[in-house]
Amino acid sequence: MTITVLSVPEGNDKPLKYPALFQQSDAVVINKLDLLEQSNFSLSEVESDLRSLQPELRVFPVSCSNQQGLKEFCSYLKERIKQNE
């Protein structure tokens, strides 16, 4: 399983700048979501770009500061582990 991490401070140009990386991923974690208000990062634009590269890609916006999205991401990991046992 390949999981790519995209950080809000990196900017939302990365999926189109490095398409092969995201096309080969099973999931993308968009981290540092708590910094959205301090940046010009567009979550909807990034998700749209990711879907244009791989429509079935699982995307998990998360913030470790406030735990947002971590439960969903952990559930995904547990599900994938069970599938591979």
C-alpha atoms as a PDB file:
ATOM      1  CA  MET A   1       0.000   0.000   0.000  1.00  0.00           C
ATOM      2  CA  THR A   2       1.265   3.433  -0.900  1.00  0.00           C
ATOM      3  CA  ILE A   3       0.171   6.473   1.085  1.00  0.00           C
ATOM      4  CA  THR A   4       1.276   9.942   0.062  1.00  0.00           C
ATOM      5  CA  VAL A   5       1.283  12.820   2.524  1.00  0.00           C
ATOM      6  CA  LEU A   6       0.594  16.311   1.248  1.00  0.00           C
ATOM      7  CA  SER A   7       1.039  19.104   3.760  1.00  0.00           C
ATOM      8  CA  VAL A   8      -1.065  22.272   3.602  1.00  0.00           C
ATOM      9  CA  PRO A   9       2.028  24.556   3.859  1.00  0.00           C
ATOM     10  CA  GLU A  10       3.512  22.867   0.747  1.00  0.00           C
ATOM     11  CA  GLY A  11       0.778  24.369  -1.429  1.00  0.00           C
ATOM     12  CA  ASN A  12      -1.882  22.827  -3.595  1.00  0.00           C
ATOM     13  CA  ASP A  13       0.148  22.630  -6.808  1.00  0.00           C
ATOM     14  CA  LYS A  14       1.788  19.303  -5.924  1.00  0.00           C
ATOM     15  CA  PRO A  15      -0.732  16.848  -7.482  1.00  0.00           C
ATOM     16  CA  LEU A  16      -0.367  18.420 -10.923  1.00  0.00           C
ATOM     17  CA  LYS A  17       3.372  19.037 -10.492  1.00  0.00           C
ATOM     18  CA  TYR A  18       4.069  15.387  -9.532  1.00  0.00           C
ATOM     19  CA  PRO A  19       1.184  13.430 -11.070  1.00  0.00           C
ATOM     20  CA  ALA A  20       2.919  10.020 -11.118  1.00  0.00           C
ATOM     21  CA  LEU A  21       3.379  10.115  -7.351  1.00  0.00           C
ATOM     22  CA  PHE A  22      -0.324  10.616  -6.775  1.00  0.00           C
ATOM     23  CA  GLN A  23      -1.430   8.235  -9.542  1.00  0.00           C
ATOM     24  CA  GLN A  24       0.538   5.425  -7.871  1.00  0.00           C
ATOM     25  CA  SER A  25      -0.893   6.119  -4.413  1.00  0.00           C
ATOM     26  CA  ASP A  26      -3.651   4.158  -2.740  1.00  0.00           C
ATOM     27  CA  ALA A  27      -4.462   7.083  -0.458  1.00  0.00           C
ATOM     28  CA  VAL A  28      -3.450  10.676   0.161  1.00  0.00           C
ATOM     29  CA  VAL A  29      -3.289  12.244   3.598  1.00  0.00           C
ATOM     30  CA  ILE A  30      -3.602  16.015   3.516  1.00  0.00           C
ATOM     31  CA  ASN A  31      -2.092  17.000   6.833  1.00  0.00           C
ATOM     32  CA  LYS A  32      -1.839  20.202   8.865  1.00  0.00           C
ATOM     33  CA  LEU A  33      -5.454  20.979   8.027  1.00  0.00           C
ATOM     34  CA  ASP A  34      -5.534  23.337  11.005  1.00  0.00           C
ATOM     35  CA  LEU A  35      -3.335  25.723   8.983  1.00  0.00           C
ATOM     36  CA  LEU A  36      -5.885  26.229   6.185  1.00  0.00           C
ATOM     37  CA  GLU A  37      -6.937  29.642   7.454  1.00  0.00           C
ATOM     38  CA  GLN A  38      -3.326  30.873   7.494  1.00  0.00           C
ATOM     39  CA  SER A  39      -2.631  29.799   3.916  1.00  0.00           C
ATOM     40  CA  ASN A  40      -3.979  30.099   0.403  1.00  0.00           C
ATOM     41  CA  PHE A  41      -4.303  26.293   0.164  1.00  0.00           C
ATOM     42  CA  SER A  42      -7.558  25.243  -1.475  1.00  0.00           C
ATOM     43  CA  LEU A  43      -8.724  21.878  -0.212  1.00  0.00           C
ATOM     44  CA  SER A  44     -11.453  21.662  -2.855  1.00  0.00           C
ATOM     45  CA  GLU A  45      -8.970  22.445  -5.653  1.00  0.00           C
ATOM     46  CA  VAL A  46      -6.519  19.793  -4.445  1.00  0.00           C
ATOM     47  CA  GLU A  47      -9.254  17.181  -4.103  1.00  0.00           C
ATOM     48  CA  SER A  48     -10.458  18.005  -7.619  1.00  0.00           C
ATOM     49  CA  ASP A  49      -6.913  17.721  -9.013  1.00  0.00           C
ATOM     50  CA  LEU A  50      -6.406  14.404  -7.218  1.00  0.00           C
ATOM     51  CA  ARG A  51      -9.695  13.018  -8.592  1.00  0.00           C
ATOM     52  CA  SER A  52      -8.682  14.071 -12.115  1.00  0.00           C
ATOM     53  CA  LEU A  53      -5.531  11.966 -11.731  1.00  0.00           C
ATOM     54  CA  GLN A  54      -7.178   9.002 -10.038  1.00  0.00           C
ATOM     55  CA  PRO A  55     -10.969   9.041  -9.518  1.00  0.00           C
ATOM     56  CA  GLU A  56     -10.998   6.252  -6.902  1.00  0.00           C
ATOM     57  CA  LEU A  57      -8.194   7.703  -4.778  1.00  0.00           C
ATOM     58  CA  ARG A  58      -8.959   7.854  -1.051  1.00  0.00           C
ATOM     59  CA  VAL A  59      -8.268  11.305   0.366  1.00  0.00           C
ATOM     60  CA  PHE A  60      -7.989  11.971   4.100  1.00  0.00           C
ATOM     61  CA  PRO A  61      -7.738  15.577   5.271  1.00  0.00           C
ATOM     62  CA  VAL A  62      -6.322  15.419   8.809  1.00  0.00           C
ATOM     63  CA  SER A  63      -5.060  17.577  11.627  1.00  0.00           C
ATOM     64  CA  CYS A  64      -3.019  16.064  14.425  1.00  0.00           C
ATOM     65  CA  SER A  65      -3.501  19.263  16.459  1.00  0.00           C
ATOM     66  CA  ASN A  66      -7.243  18.825  16.828  1.00  0.00           C
ATOM     67  CA  GLN A  67      -7.587  15.158  15.786  1.00  0.00           C
ATOM     68  CA  GLN A  68      -9.757  16.053  12.759  1.00  0.00           C
ATOM     69  CA  GLY A  69      -9.943  13.203  10.250  1.00  0.00           C
ATOM     70  CA  LEU A  70      -7.692  10.828  12.199  1.00  0.00           C
ATOM     71  CA  LYS A  71     -10.488   8.427  13.093  1.00  0.00           C
ATOM     72  CA  GLU A  72     -11.447   8.000   9.425  1.00  0.00           C
ATOM     73  CA  PHE A  73      -7.837   7.499   8.369  1.00  0.00           C
ATOM     74  CA  CYS A  74      -7.187   4.938  11.126  1.00  0.00           C
ATOM     75  CA  SER A  75     -10.365   3.054  10.154  1.00  0.00           C
ATOM     76  CA  TYR A  76      -9.133   2.937   6.564  1.00  0.00           C
ATOM     77  CA  LEU A  77      -5.772   1.534   7.674  1.00  0.00           C
ATOM     78  CA  LYS A  78      -7.427  -1.136   9.838  1.00  0.00           C
ATOM     79  CA  GLU A  79      -9.677  -2.128   6.932  1.00  0.00           C
ATOM     80  CA  ARG A  80      -6.717  -2.445   4.550  1.00  0.00           C
ATOM     81  CA  ILE A  81      -4.743  -4.503   7.078  1.00  0.00           C
ATOM     82  CA  LYS A  82      -7.659  -6.925   7.470  1.00  0.00           C
ATOM     83  CA  GLN A  83      -7.935  -7.273   3.685  1.00  0.00           C
ATOM     84  CA  ASN A  84      -4.275  -8.248   3.464  1.00  0.00           C
ATOM     85  CA  GLU A  85      -4.223 -10.809   6.295  1.00  0.00           C
END
